Amino acid sequence: MLSKEDQRRFDEITRQLRISDPDFVARLSNRAQARRGRLLLLLTVILWSAVPAVVVIGGWVAAVMAPVVLAAASVLAWRVRRLHH
């Protein structure tokens, strides 16, 4: 956590950076979006991979919950695709 004074200084620095070098700020923003997209994709793969093991270990309760997990994975995959296009 930044102190109020440090936060004020940081905000001023970022404001000046946006004014003086908007191309640099845009490149940083694109990198952050790409990183979020990769993390969402990784989470989607983990969810899809975990479902069979959860069903085997958890039995019928897990089998009933699996569609919810798969739906969440599908939504995440859709968000990743939307972020990159």
Protein backbone atom coordinates (compact mmCIF):
# COMPACT_ATOMS: atom_id res chain seq x y z
CA MET A 1 0.00 0.00 0.00
CA LEU A 2 1.24 3.44 -0.86
CA SER A 3 0.89 6.36 1.48
CA LYS A 4 -1.35 9.19 0.30
CA GLU A 5 1.69 11.26 -0.60
CA ASP A 6 3.32 8.41 -2.52
CA GLN A 7 0.04 7.70 -4.33
CA ARG A 8 -0.22 11.37 -5.28
CA ARG A 9 3.35 11.34 -6.65
CA PHE A 10 2.70 8.10 -8.54
CA ASP A 11 -0.47 9.54 -10.08
CA GLU A 12 1.42 12.65 -11.16
CA ILE A 13 4.20 10.58 -12.73
CA THR A 14 1.73 8.42 -14.65
CA ARG A 15 -0.22 11.49 -15.77
CA GLN A 16 2.98 13.08 -17.09
CA LEU A 17 3.98 9.84 -18.79
CA ARG A 18 0.61 9.60 -20.57
CA ILE A 19 1.11 13.16 -21.85
CA SER A 20 4.78 12.86 -22.81
CA ASP A 21 4.88 9.32 -24.26
CA PRO A 22 1.43 7.94 -25.11
CA ASP A 23 2.93 5.25 -27.37
CA PHE A 24 4.87 3.78 -24.46
CA VAL A 25 1.76 3.77 -22.26
CA ALA A 26 -0.21 2.04 -25.04
CA ARG A 27 2.47 -0.66 -25.39
CA LEU A 28 2.41 -1.31 -21.63
CA SER A 29 -1.36 -1.56 -21.69
CA ASN A 30 -1.23 -4.10 -24.54
CA ARG A 31 1.29 -6.23 -22.63
CA ALA A 32 -0.92 -6.23 -19.54
CA GLN A 33 -3.93 -7.34 -21.60
CA ALA A 34 -1.89 -10.13 -23.20
CA ARG A 35 -0.72 -11.29 -19.75
CA ARG A 36 -4.30 -11.38 -18.45
CA GLY A 37 -5.32 -13.32 -21.54
CA ARG A 38 -2.62 -15.92 -20.97
CA LEU A 39 -3.61 -16.29 -17.33
CA LEU A 40 -7.26 -16.77 -18.25
CA LEU A 41 -6.31 -19.35 -20.85
CA LEU A 42 -4.17 -21.22 -18.32
CA LEU A 43 -7.00 -21.19 -15.81
CA THR A 44 -9.36 -22.54 -18.46
CA VAL A 45 -7.00 -25.42 -19.26
CA ILE A 46 -6.61 -26.21 -15.57
CA LEU A 47 -10.38 -26.27 -15.08
CA TRP A 48 -10.93 -28.58 -18.05
CA SER A 49 -8.12 -30.86 -16.88
CA ALA A 50 -9.39 -31.03 -13.31
CA VAL A 51 -12.94 -32.14 -14.13
CA PRO A 52 -12.20 -35.84 -14.85
CA ALA A 53 -10.12 -36.21 -11.70
CA VAL A 54 -12.76 -34.49 -9.59
CA VAL A 55 -15.47 -36.75 -11.01
CA VAL A 56 -13.42 -39.89 -10.30
CA ILE A 57 -12.55 -38.78 -6.78
CA GLY A 58 -15.84 -37.13 -5.87
CA GLY A 59 -18.35 -39.53 -7.39
CA TRP A 60 -21.91 -38.46 -8.17
CA VAL A 61 -21.75 -35.11 -6.42
CA ALA A 62 -18.74 -34.13 -8.50
CA ALA A 63 -20.41 -35.46 -11.63
CA VAL A 64 -23.33 -33.12 -10.99
CA MET A 65 -20.96 -30.20 -10.35
CA ALA A 66 -18.82 -30.89 -13.43
CA PRO A 67 -21.13 -29.08 -15.87
CA VAL A 68 -20.83 -25.95 -13.74
CA VAL A 69 -17.04 -26.16 -13.85
CA LEU A 70 -17.09 -26.81 -17.59
CA ALA A 71 -19.42 -23.85 -18.13
CA ALA A 72 -17.03 -21.63 -16.17
CA ALA A 73 -14.12 -22.88 -18.26
CA SER A 74 -16.05 -22.18 -21.43
CA VAL A 75 -16.83 -18.63 -20.31
CA LEU A 76 -13.17 -18.06 -19.52
CA ALA A 77 -12.12 -19.41 -22.91
CA TRP A 78 -14.63 -17.11 -24.59
CA ARG A 79 -13.25 -14.11 -22.66
CA VAL A 80 -9.69 -14.98 -23.68
CA ARG A 81 -10.72 -15.22 -27.31
CA ARG A 82 -12.57 -11.90 -27.08
CA LEU A 83 -9.56 -10.18 -25.49
CA HIS A 84 -7.25 -11.27 -28.29
CA HIS A 85 -9.55 -10.35 -31.17
